[in-house]
Amino acid sequence: MAERAQCVITDGRQTEILYTVWGAGALDIDLIAGPDAACRQIRRLYDPTEELREPVWIEAGALIDTSRRLLAVFSWHLSGYAHRAAWKAVLGQTWPGWDLRWAYAGVDDIATAAGVPAAASDHPRPEAALAVLDPADLDDADSLVTVTQPDGSIRAYGIWSDTTDVFWAGPELLDRLSAATPVTVLPDFPKTGLHLDPASRSAVGWTTLEASGLAGGWSRCWPGWRLDFQEDRYDAQPVAIPAPPPTLDSGLAVVARRLTGFRNSAEAAYHSRSPADPQSIEAAIRRAHLAGGEPPRWPGLR
């Protein structure tokens, strides 16, 4: 199955737009060794193209701007909050002095930051695909939706959604939730959260993915509702997330496993160094572990 990715590389004078049908699932590895290796890897694996593709088709993307030392990325293919945070911690070691940003509006953010035209979409966004899960069957829950009740209490629901489709579900979601059983615990930390307050017709949302088109699409899907989008700040959801909290070490373990899994994919991604070499990616992972602290968040471009 295709996993389309798009990257833009610019030095402020020349701009390259590159595209692959198969690379989205490995973009985190393609970028992990630093700017020089990342540019070589992307130029080797991606095809030059004239324009950015429609956001609906793109599962991962990056802007590498060497003039501003700016790396802006997004991906659907990171395994969760901890993995995404740990990847940023490692990139902080391998991209020293660079401004690391998350493109919460996906390809549209990259187009704006790179100063290239965004793709005109000929395809309407598909109908929101999601399932409200029973508390006994939460293994696929990747989103948490919470709702303020008339008495002021808050109920939580585990949701499976196709990327960030909870943002596009509209007020009909409330009808579905009213007939569902609330949850008190989730097996894994969610990738997306949405809090709904029907009395004030207000919402708070966050995600570790991307939500291209949300700025204009929210008002169409939720007419009369106001959204406060909080990037990846999950603590803006007015309830403690009922799941094991993400930790930096658990995320670094995922980064290390993925590095091992892609070890033979391309020498450019790893500098061809021994894991004991202080310039190796393994050494960067060790430095991120020793630095410790809370899982870092990804600021957006806007």
C-alpha atoms as a PDB file:
ATOM      1  CA  MET A   1       0.000   0.000   0.000  1.00  0.00           C
ATOM      2  CA  ALA A   2       1.348   3.441  -0.927  1.00  0.00           C
ATOM      3  CA  GLU A   3       2.787   5.629   1.823  1.00  0.00           C
ATOM      4  CA  ARG A   4       3.279   8.952   0.058  1.00  0.00           C
ATOM      5  CA  ALA A   5       5.682  11.564   1.377  1.00  0.00           C
ATOM      6  CA  GLN A   6       6.775  14.977   0.158  1.00  0.00           C
ATOM      7  CA  CYS A   7       9.841  17.009   1.076  1.00  0.00           C
ATOM      8  CA  VAL A   8      11.087  20.487   0.254  1.00  0.00           C
ATOM      9  CA  ILE A   9      14.792  21.355   0.436  1.00  0.00           C
ATOM     10  CA  THR A  10      15.827  24.992   0.089  1.00  0.00           C
ATOM     11  CA  ASP A  11      18.843  27.176   0.743  1.00  0.00           C
ATOM     12  CA  GLY A  12      16.874  30.394   0.355  1.00  0.00           C
ATOM     13  CA  ARG A  13      17.853  30.723  -3.295  1.00  0.00           C
ATOM     14  CA  GLN A  14      17.062  27.371  -4.875  1.00  0.00           C
ATOM     15  CA  THR A  15      14.154  25.186  -3.858  1.00  0.00           C
ATOM     16  CA  GLU A  16      13.724  21.485  -4.596  1.00  0.00           C
ATOM     17  CA  ILE A  17      10.356  19.726  -4.278  1.00  0.00           C
ATOM     18  CA  LEU A  18      10.654  15.958  -3.956  1.00  0.00           C
ATOM     19  CA  TYR A  19       8.070  13.195  -3.799  1.00  0.00           C
ATOM     20  CA  THR A  20       7.901   9.468  -3.161  1.00  0.00           C
ATOM     21  CA  VAL A  21       5.052   6.980  -3.216  1.00  0.00           C
ATOM     22  CA  TRP A  22       6.702   4.719  -0.644  1.00  0.00           C
ATOM     23  CA  GLY A  23       8.717   6.785   1.830  1.00  0.00           C
ATOM     24  CA  ALA A  24       6.323   8.092   4.501  1.00  0.00           C
ATOM     25  CA  GLY A  25       6.846   5.162   6.858  1.00  0.00           C
ATOM     26  CA  ALA A  26      10.602   5.751   7.022  1.00  0.00           C
ATOM     27  CA  LEU A  27      10.839   9.547   7.034  1.00  0.00           C
ATOM     28  CA  ASP A  28      11.802   9.610  10.705  1.00  0.00           C
ATOM     29  CA  ILE A  29      14.801   7.399   9.907  1.00  0.00           C
ATOM     30  CA  ASP A  30      15.687   9.316   6.742  1.00  0.00           C
ATOM     31  CA  LEU A  31      15.995  12.500   8.817  1.00  0.00           C
ATOM     32  CA  ILE A  32      17.599  11.154  11.970  1.00  0.00           C
ATOM     33  CA  ALA A  33      21.287  11.449  11.050  1.00  0.00           C
ATOM     34  CA  GLY A  34      21.314  15.216  10.598  1.00  0.00           C
ATOM     35  CA  PRO A  35      20.836  17.740   7.799  1.00  0.00           C
ATOM     36  CA  ASP A  36      23.609  16.678   5.399  1.00  0.00           C
ATOM     37  CA  ALA A  37      22.767  12.975   5.553  1.00  0.00           C
ATOM     38  CA  ALA A  38      19.041  13.711   5.385  1.00  0.00           C
ATOM     39  CA  CYS A  39      19.383  15.794   2.226  1.00  0.00           C
ATOM     40  CA  ARG A  40      21.487  13.081   0.575  1.00  0.00           C
ATOM     41  CA  GLN A  41      19.018  10.380   1.563  1.00  0.00           C
ATOM     42  CA  ILE A  42      15.945  12.245   0.382  1.00  0.00           C
ATOM     43  CA  ARG A  43      17.539  13.204  -2.925  1.00  0.00           C
ATOM     44  CA  ARG A  44      18.506   9.567  -3.433  1.00  0.00           C
ATOM     45  CA  LEU A  45      15.123   8.052  -2.617  1.00  0.00           C
ATOM     46  CA  TYR A  46      12.650  10.726  -3.738  1.00  0.00           C
ATOM     47  CA  ASP A  47      11.822  11.945  -7.244  1.00  0.00           C
ATOM     48  CA  PRO A  48      12.004  15.628  -8.210  1.00  0.00           C
ATOM     49  CA  THR A  49       8.599  17.093  -8.963  1.00  0.00           C
ATOM     50  CA  GLU A  50       7.235  20.456 -10.014  1.00  0.00           C
ATOM     51  CA  GLU A  51       4.696  21.016  -7.256  1.00  0.00           C
ATOM     52  CA  LEU A  52       3.345  19.881  -3.928  1.00  0.00           C
ATOM     53  CA  ARG A  53       0.664  17.194  -4.031  1.00  0.00           C
ATOM     54  CA  GLU A  54      -2.785  17.403  -2.479  1.00  0.00           C
ATOM     55  CA  PRO A  55      -2.570  17.095   1.323  1.00  0.00           C
ATOM     56  CA  VAL A  56      -5.184  14.336   1.440  1.00  0.00           C
ATOM     57  CA  TRP A  57      -2.651  11.964  -0.172  1.00  0.00           C
ATOM     58  CA  ILE A  58       0.450  12.844   1.861  1.00  0.00           C
ATOM     59  CA  GLU A  59       1.219  10.868   5.031  1.00  0.00           C
ATOM     60  CA  ALA A  60       4.524  12.515   5.975  1.00  0.00           C
ATOM     61  CA  GLY A  61       6.532  15.506   4.902  1.00  0.00           C
ATOM     62  CA  ALA A  62       9.450  17.754   5.732  1.00  0.00           C
ATOM     63  CA  LEU A  63      10.908  21.147   4.963  1.00  0.00           C
ATOM     64  CA  ILE A  64      14.693  21.437   5.246  1.00  0.00           C
ATOM     65  CA  ASP A  65      15.640  25.106   5.016  1.00  0.00           C
ATOM     66  CA  THR A  66      19.413  25.414   5.356  1.00  0.00           C
ATOM     67  CA  SER A  67      19.368  29.221   5.191  1.00  0.00           C
ATOM     68  CA  ARG A  68      17.149  29.496   8.263  1.00  0.00           C
ATOM     69  CA  ARG A  69      18.310  26.226   9.850  1.00  0.00           C
ATOM     70  CA  LEU A  70      14.671  25.212  10.020  1.00  0.00           C
ATOM     71  CA  LEU A  71      13.360  21.642   9.978  1.00  0.00           C
ATOM     72  CA  ALA A  72       9.570  21.364   9.843  1.00  0.00           C
ATOM     73  CA  VAL A  73       8.024  17.908   9.746  1.00  0.00           C
ATOM     74  CA  PHE A  74       4.879  15.867  10.157  1.00  0.00           C
ATOM     75  CA  SER A  75       4.163  12.158   9.997  1.00  0.00           C
ATOM     76  CA  TRP A  76       1.297   9.747  10.505  1.00  0.00           C
ATOM     77  CA  HIS A  77       3.801   6.933  11.091  1.00  0.00           C
ATOM     78  CA  LEU A  78       5.209   7.545  14.555  1.00  0.00           C
ATOM     79  CA  SER A  79       3.942   5.072  17.101  1.00  0.00           C
ATOM     80  CA  GLY A  80       2.715   7.525  19.708  1.00  0.00           C
ATOM     81  CA  TYR A  81       3.379  10.571  21.857  1.00  0.00           C
ATOM     82  CA  ALA A  82       6.506   9.127  23.478  1.00  0.00           C
ATOM     83  CA  HIS A  83       8.087   8.061  20.174  1.00  0.00           C
ATOM     84  CA  ARG A  84       7.442  11.462  18.605  1.00  0.00           C
ATOM     85  CA  ALA A  85       8.885  13.294  21.625  1.00  0.00           C
ATOM     86  CA  ALA A  86      11.951  11.049  21.785  1.00  0.00           C
ATOM     87  CA  TRP A  87      12.558  11.487  18.056  1.00  0.00           C
ATOM     88  CA  LYS A  88      12.667  15.252  18.661  1.00  0.00           C
ATOM     89  CA  ALA A  89      15.117  14.745  21.524  1.00  0.00           C
ATOM     90  CA  VAL A  90      17.428  12.746  19.232  1.00  0.00           C
ATOM     91  CA  LEU A  91      17.054  15.265  16.392  1.00  0.00           C
ATOM     92  CA  GLY A  92      18.102  17.915  18.897  1.00  0.00           C
ATOM     93  CA  GLN A  93      21.410  16.024  19.132  1.00  0.00           C
ATOM     94  CA  THR A  94      21.894  15.374  15.406  1.00  0.00           C
ATOM     95  CA  TRP A  95      20.550  18.730  14.136  1.00  0.00           C
ATOM     96  CA  PRO A  96      22.304  21.048  16.644  1.00  0.00           C
ATOM     97  CA  GLY A  97      21.358  24.694  16.348  1.00  0.00           C
ATOM     98  CA  TRP A  98      18.349  23.963  14.148  1.00  0.00           C
ATOM     99  CA  ASP A  99      14.795  25.119  14.829  1.00  0.00           C
ATOM    100  CA  LEU A 100      12.700  21.935  15.011  1.00  0.00           C
ATOM    101  CA  ARG A 101       9.023  22.484  14.257  1.00  0.00           C
ATOM    102  CA  TRP A 102       5.925  20.357  13.680  1.00  0.00           C
ATOM    103  CA  ALA A 103       3.777  21.130  10.644  1.00  0.00           C
ATOM    104  CA  TYR A 104       0.361  20.771  12.274  1.00  0.00           C
ATOM    105  CA  ALA A 105      -1.317  21.808   9.009  1.00  0.00           C
ATOM    106  CA  GLY A 106       0.710  19.243   7.087  1.00  0.00           C
ATOM    107  CA  VAL A 107       1.690  20.071   3.520  1.00  0.00           C
ATOM    108  CA  ASP A 108      -0.092  23.430   3.769  1.00  0.00           C
ATOM    109  CA  ASP A 109       2.258  24.488   6.578  1.00  0.00           C
ATOM    110  CA  ILE A 110       5.289  23.330   4.612  1.00  0.00           C
ATOM    111  CA  ALA A 111       4.125  25.243   1.530  1.00  0.00           C
ATOM    112  CA  THR A 112       3.691  28.442   3.539  1.00  0.00           C
ATOM    113  CA  ALA A 113       7.032  28.119   5.334  1.00  0.00           C
ATOM    114  CA  ALA A 114       8.865  27.286   2.091  1.00  0.00           C
ATOM    115  CA  GLY A 115       7.157  30.023   0.074  1.00  0.00           C
ATOM    116  CA  VAL A 116       5.915  27.608  -2.585  1.00  0.00           C
ATOM    117  CA  PRO A 117       2.320  27.291  -3.823  1.00  0.00           C
ATOM    118  CA  ALA A 118       0.102  24.878  -1.934  1.00  0.00           C
ATOM    119  CA  ALA A 119      -1.674  22.269  -4.003  1.00  0.00           C
ATOM    120  CA  ALA A 120      -5.212  23.055  -5.094  1.00  0.00           C
ATOM    121  CA  SER A 121      -7.414  20.218  -3.866  1.00  0.00           C
ATOM    122  CA  ASP A 122      -9.766  18.594  -6.335  1.00  0.00           C
ATOM    123  CA  HIS A 123     -10.894  16.045  -3.777  1.00  0.00           C
ATOM    124  CA  PRO A 124     -13.208  16.907  -0.877  1.00  0.00           C
ATOM    125  CA  ARG A 125     -12.121  15.578   2.473  1.00  0.00           C
ATOM    126  CA  PRO A 126     -13.607  12.094   2.942  1.00  0.00           C
ATOM    127  CA  GLU A 127     -16.352  11.633   5.484  1.00  0.00           C
ATOM    128  CA  ALA A 128     -14.925  11.244   8.974  1.00  0.00           C
ATOM    129  CA  ALA A 129     -14.033   7.626   9.713  1.00  0.00           C
ATOM    130  CA  LEU A 130     -14.164   6.746  13.390  1.00  0.00           C
ATOM    131  CA  ALA A 131     -15.588   4.261  15.849  1.00  0.00           C
ATOM    132  CA  VAL A 132     -16.678   4.841  19.433  1.00  0.00           C
ATOM    133  CA  LEU A 133     -15.182   1.894  21.302  1.00  0.00           C
ATOM    134  CA  ASP A 134     -16.630  -0.171  24.090  1.00  0.00           C
ATOM    135  CA  PRO A 135     -14.635  -0.013  27.360  1.00  0.00           C
ATOM    136  CA  ALA A 136     -13.946  -3.737  27.007  1.00  0.00           C
ATOM    137  CA  ASP A 137     -12.408  -3.307  23.550  1.00  0.00           C
ATOM    138  CA  LEU A 138     -10.015  -0.357  23.647  1.00  0.00           C
ATOM    139  CA  ASP A 139      -6.914  -1.826  22.006  1.00  0.00           C
ATOM    140  CA  ASP A 140      -7.452   0.326  18.899  1.00  0.00           C
ATOM    141  CA  ALA A 141      -8.214   3.544  20.786  1.00  0.00           C
ATOM    142  CA  ASP A 142      -5.974   6.304  19.433  1.00  0.00           C
ATOM    143  CA  SER A 143      -8.111   9.328  20.352  1.00  0.00           C
ATOM    144  CA  LEU A 144      -9.727  10.552  23.554  1.00  0.00           C
ATOM    145  CA  VAL A 145     -12.932  12.580  23.383  1.00  0.00           C
ATOM    146  CA  THR A 146     -14.240  14.142  26.577  1.00  0.00           C
ATOM    147  CA  VAL A 147     -17.579  15.860  27.043  1.00  0.00           C
ATOM    148  CA  THR A 148     -18.753  18.241  29.761  1.00  0.00           C
ATOM    149  CA  GLN A 149     -22.112  17.091  31.103  1.00  0.00           C
ATOM    150  CA  PRO A 150     -25.002  19.372  32.201  1.00  0.00           C
ATOM    151  CA  ASP A 151     -24.019  18.873  35.866  1.00  0.00           C
ATOM    152  CA  GLY A 152     -20.426  19.946  35.146  1.00  0.00           C
ATOM    153  CA  SER A 153     -18.905  16.470  35.289  1.00  0.00           C
ATOM    154  CA  ILE A 154     -16.806  15.176  32.400  1.00  0.00           C
ATOM    155  CA  ARG A 155     -17.169  11.855  30.630  1.00  0.00           C
ATOM    156  CA  ALA A 156     -14.410  10.292  28.531  1.00  0.00           C
ATOM    157  CA  TYR A 157     -14.678   8.051  25.473  1.00  0.00           C
ATOM    158  CA  GLY A 158     -12.106   5.959  23.653  1.00  0.00           C
ATOM    159  CA  ILE A 159     -12.194   6.452  19.899  1.00  0.00           C
ATOM    160  CA  TRP A 160     -10.557   4.827  16.922  1.00  0.00           C
ATOM    161  CA  SER A 161     -10.241   7.373  14.143  1.00  0.00           C
ATOM    162  CA  ASP A 162      -8.524   7.635  10.788  1.00  0.00           C
ATOM    163  CA  THR A 163      -5.745  10.101  11.751  1.00  0.00           C
ATOM    164  CA  THR A 164      -7.484  13.219  13.164  1.00  0.00           C
ATOM    165  CA  ASP A 165     -11.024  12.495  11.993  1.00  0.00           C
ATOM    166  CA  VAL A 166     -12.511  13.330  15.399  1.00  0.00           C
ATOM    167  CA  PHE A 167     -11.992  16.977  14.405  1.00  0.00           C
ATOM    168  CA  TRP A 168     -14.190  16.487  11.349  1.00  0.00           C
ATOM    169  CA  ALA A 169     -16.995  14.458  12.909  1.00  0.00           C
ATOM    170  CA  GLY A 170     -19.323  17.384  13.658  1.00  0.00           C
ATOM    171  CA  PRO A 171     -22.005  17.640  16.362  1.00  0.00           C
ATOM    172  CA  GLU A 172     -23.384  14.260  15.298  1.00  0.00           C
ATOM    173  CA  LEU A 173     -20.514  12.835  17.318  1.00  0.00           C
ATOM    174  CA  LEU A 174     -22.295  13.953  20.479  1.00  0.00           C
ATOM    175  CA  ASP A 175     -25.313  11.856  19.545  1.00  0.00           C
ATOM    176  CA  ARG A 176     -23.110   8.805  19.119  1.00  0.00           C
ATOM    177  CA  LEU A 177     -21.363   9.422  22.424  1.00  0.00           C
ATOM    178  CA  SER A 178     -24.629   9.868  24.311  1.00  0.00           C
ATOM    179  CA  ALA A 179     -25.459   6.228  23.568  1.00  0.00           C
ATOM    180  CA  ALA A 180     -21.948   4.942  24.375  1.00  0.00           C
ATOM    181  CA  THR A 181     -20.387   3.781  27.619  1.00  0.00           C
ATOM    182  CA  PRO A 182     -17.741   6.156  29.061  1.00  0.00           C
ATOM    183  CA  VAL A 183     -14.253   4.862  29.807  1.00  0.00           C
ATOM    184  CA  THR A 184     -12.156   5.273  32.921  1.00  0.00           C
ATOM    185  CA  VAL A 185      -8.854   4.020  31.492  1.00  0.00           C
ATOM    186  CA  LEU A 186      -7.109   3.674  28.127  1.00  0.00           C
ATOM    187  CA  PRO A 187      -4.420   1.033  27.479  1.00  0.00           C
ATOM    188  CA  ASP A 188      -2.193   3.462  25.569  1.00  0.00           C
ATOM    189  CA  PHE A 189      -1.680   7.198  25.488  1.00  0.00           C
ATOM    190  CA  PRO A 190      -3.810   8.752  22.720  1.00  0.00           C
ATOM    191  CA  LYS A 191      -2.450  10.512  19.645  1.00  0.00           C
ATOM    192  CA  THR A 192      -5.315  13.014  19.488  1.00  0.00           C
ATOM    193  CA  GLY A 193      -7.675  14.561  22.006  1.00  0.00           C
ATOM    194  CA  LEU A 194     -10.851  16.611  21.733  1.00  0.00           C
ATOM    195  CA  HIS A 195     -12.895  18.127  24.552  1.00  0.00           C
ATOM    196  CA  LEU A 196     -16.443  19.261  23.851  1.00  0.00           C
ATOM    197  CA  ASP A 197     -18.560  21.613  25.972  1.00  0.00           C
ATOM    198  CA  PRO A 198     -22.056  21.617  24.443  1.00  0.00           C
ATOM    199  CA  ALA A 199     -23.333  24.389  26.721  1.00  0.00           C
ATOM    200  CA  SER A 200     -20.778  26.914  25.468  1.00  0.00           C
ATOM    201  CA  ARG A 201     -20.401  25.269  22.043  1.00  0.00           C
ATOM    202  CA  SER A 202     -16.654  25.314  22.557  1.00  0.00           C
ATOM    203  CA  ALA A 203     -13.966  22.710  22.006  1.00  0.00           C
ATOM    204  CA  VAL A 204     -10.316  22.156  22.846  1.00  0.00           C
ATOM    205  CA  GLY A 205      -8.239  19.959  20.569  1.00  0.00           C
ATOM    206  CA  TRP A 206      -4.687  18.642  20.375  1.00  0.00           C
ATOM    207  CA  THR A 207      -2.845  16.100  18.257  1.00  0.00           C
ATOM    208  CA  THR A 208       0.524  14.510  17.574  1.00  0.00           C
ATOM    209  CA  LEU A 209      -0.424  14.061  13.914  1.00  0.00           C
ATOM    210  CA  GLU A 210      -1.474  16.753  11.428  1.00  0.00           C
ATOM    211  CA  ALA A 211      -4.802  18.335  10.629  1.00  0.00           C
ATOM    212  CA  SER A 212      -4.465  20.013   7.262  1.00  0.00           C
ATOM    213  CA  GLY A 213      -7.454  22.182   6.418  1.00  0.00           C
ATOM    214  CA  LEU A 214      -8.641  22.396  10.009  1.00  0.00           C
ATOM    215  CA  ALA A 215      -8.466  26.204  10.146  1.00  0.00           C
ATOM    216  CA  GLY A 216     -11.192  26.488   7.523  1.00  0.00           C
ATOM    217  CA  GLY A 217     -12.810  23.106   7.864  1.00  0.00           C
ATOM    218  CA  TRP A 218     -13.759  23.274  11.536  1.00  0.00           C
ATOM    219  CA  SER A 219     -16.489  25.868  11.013  1.00  0.00           C
ATOM    220  CA  ARG A 220     -17.998  23.800   8.207  1.00  0.00           C
ATOM    221  CA  CYS A 221     -18.065  20.616  10.264  1.00  0.00           C
ATOM    222  CA  TRP A 222     -18.979  22.243  13.598  1.00  0.00           C
ATOM    223  CA  PRO A 223     -21.097  25.292  12.679  1.00  0.00           C
ATOM    224  CA  GLY A 224     -21.410  27.709  15.574  1.00  0.00           C
ATOM    225  CA  TRP A 225     -18.693  25.966  17.597  1.00  0.00           C
ATOM    226  CA  ARG A 226     -15.364  27.528  18.590  1.00  0.00           C
ATOM    227  CA  LEU A 227     -12.165  25.476  18.583  1.00  0.00           C
ATOM    228  CA  ASP A 228      -9.113  26.212  20.704  1.00  0.00           C
ATOM    229  CA  PHE A 229      -6.396  24.177  18.960  1.00  0.00           C
ATOM    230  CA  GLN A 230      -3.501  23.473  21.317  1.00  0.00           C
ATOM    231  CA  GLU A 231      -0.991  21.723  19.035  1.00  0.00           C
ATOM    232  CA  ASP A 232       0.354  18.760  21.094  1.00  0.00           C
ATOM    233  CA  ARG A 233      -0.451  20.203  24.539  1.00  0.00           C
ATOM    234  CA  TYR A 234      -2.526  17.318  25.825  1.00  0.00           C
ATOM    235  CA  ASP A 235      -2.822  18.886  29.271  1.00  0.00           C
ATOM    236  CA  ALA A 236      -5.118  21.513  27.720  1.00  0.00           C
ATOM    237  CA  GLN A 237      -7.794  18.822  27.673  1.00  0.00           C
ATOM    238  CA  PRO A 238      -9.580  19.534  30.986  1.00  0.00           C
ATOM    239  CA  VAL A 239      -9.223  16.035  32.391  1.00  0.00           C
ATOM    240  CA  ALA A 240      -6.283  13.862  33.333  1.00  0.00           C
ATOM    241  CA  ILE A 241      -5.576  11.521  30.430  1.00  0.00           C
ATOM    242  CA  PRO A 242      -6.634   8.076  31.750  1.00  0.00           C
ATOM    243  CA  ALA A 243      -3.626   6.260  30.277  1.00  0.00           C
ATOM    244  CA  PRO A 244      -0.007   5.479  31.172  1.00  0.00           C
ATOM    245  CA  PRO A 245       1.863   8.784  30.721  1.00  0.00           C
ATOM    246  CA  PRO A 246       4.440   9.008  27.939  1.00  0.00           C
ATOM    247  CA  THR A 247       8.070   8.853  29.046  1.00  0.00           C
ATOM    248  CA  LEU A 248      11.217   9.856  27.223  1.00  0.00           C
ATOM    249  CA  ASP A 249      12.896   6.501  27.840  1.00  0.00           C
ATOM    250  CA  SER A 250      10.003   4.504  26.390  1.00  0.00           C
ATOM    251  CA  GLY A 251      10.117   6.686  23.287  1.00  0.00           C
ATOM    252  CA  LEU A 252      13.894   6.338  22.953  1.00  0.00           C
ATOM    253  CA  ALA A 253      13.454   2.560  23.039  1.00  0.00           C
ATOM    254  CA  VAL A 254      11.150   2.842  20.023  1.00  0.00           C
ATOM    255  CA  VAL A 255      13.680   5.048  18.205  1.00  0.00           C
ATOM    256  CA  ALA A 256      16.419   2.478  18.881  1.00  0.00           C
ATOM    257  CA  ARG A 257      14.266  -0.408  17.624  1.00  0.00           C
ATOM    258  CA  ARG A 258      13.424   1.458  14.439  1.00  0.00           C
ATOM    259  CA  LEU A 259      17.075   2.299  13.909  1.00  0.00           C
ATOM    260  CA  THR A 260      17.902  -1.404  14.155  1.00  0.00           C
ATOM    261  CA  GLY A 261      15.068  -2.321  11.810  1.00  0.00           C
ATOM    262  CA  PHE A 262      16.268   0.093   9.130  1.00  0.00           C
ATOM    263  CA  ARG A 263      19.988  -0.542   9.708  1.00  0.00           C
ATOM    264  CA  ASN A 264      20.612  -1.803   6.166  1.00  0.00           C
ATOM    265  CA  SER A 265      18.389   0.632   4.301  1.00  0.00           C
ATOM    266  CA  ALA A 266      21.011   3.235   3.328  1.00  0.00           C
ATOM    267  CA  GLU A 267      24.463   4.216   4.484  1.00  0.00           C
ATOM    268  CA  ALA A 268      23.622   7.900   4.241  1.00  0.00           C
ATOM    269  CA  ALA A 269      21.091   7.614   7.053  1.00  0.00           C
ATOM    270  CA  TYR A 270      23.694   6.412   9.540  1.00  0.00           C
ATOM    271  CA  HIS A 271      27.022   7.979   8.493  1.00  0.00           C
ATOM    272  CA  SER A 272      28.285   4.356   8.249  1.00  0.00           C
ATOM    273  CA  ARG A 273      29.571   4.615  11.811  1.00  0.00           C
ATOM    274  CA  SER A 274      29.969   2.044  14.526  1.00  0.00           C
ATOM    275  CA  PRO A 275      27.410   2.343  17.368  1.00  0.00           C
ATOM    276  CA  ALA A 276      30.382   3.083  19.661  1.00  0.00           C
ATOM    277  CA  ASP A 277      31.383   6.123  17.581  1.00  0.00           C
ATOM    278  CA  PRO A 278      30.410   9.347  19.435  1.00  0.00           C
ATOM    279  CA  GLN A 279      28.984  10.681  16.146  1.00  0.00           C
ATOM    280  CA  SER A 280      26.699   7.670  15.608  1.00  0.00           C
ATOM    281  CA  ILE A 281      22.938   7.787  15.999  1.00  0.00           C
ATOM    282  CA  GLU A 282      23.189   5.330  18.891  1.00  0.00           C
ATOM    283  CA  ALA A 283      25.439   7.843  20.654  1.00  0.00           C
ATOM    284  CA  ALA A 284      22.844  10.564  20.042  1.00  0.00           C
ATOM    285  CA  ILE A 285      20.202   8.325  21.613  1.00  0.00           C
ATOM    286  CA  ARG A 286      22.437   7.792  24.632  1.00  0.00           C
ATOM    287  CA  ARG A 287      22.979  11.550  24.995  1.00  0.00           C
ATOM    288  CA  ALA A 288      19.223  12.167  24.802  1.00  0.00           C
ATOM    289  CA  HIS A 289      18.745   9.549  27.539  1.00  0.00           C
ATOM    290  CA  LEU A 290      21.382  11.140  29.769  1.00  0.00           C
ATOM    291  CA  ALA A 291      19.851  14.590  29.253  1.00  0.00           C
ATOM    292  CA  GLY A 292      16.590  13.169  30.621  1.00  0.00           C
ATOM    293  CA  GLY A 293      13.672  15.402  31.515  1.00  0.00           C
ATOM    294  CA  GLU A 294      10.094  15.430  30.337  1.00  0.00           C
ATOM    295  CA  PRO A 295       9.236  14.310  26.788  1.00  0.00           C
ATOM    296  CA  PRO A 296       9.798  17.451  24.679  1.00  0.00           C
ATOM    297  CA  ARG A 297       6.894  18.984  22.828  1.00  0.00           C
ATOM    298  CA  TRP A 298       6.895  20.076  19.206  1.00  0.00           C
ATOM    299  CA  PRO A 299       6.066  23.766  18.622  1.00  0.00           C
ATOM    300  CA  GLY A 300       4.168  24.527  15.448  1.00  0.00           C
ATOM    301  CA  LEU A 301       5.107  26.840  12.626  1.00  0.00           C
ATOM    302  CA  ARG A 302       2.486  29.476  13.431  1.00  0.00           C
END
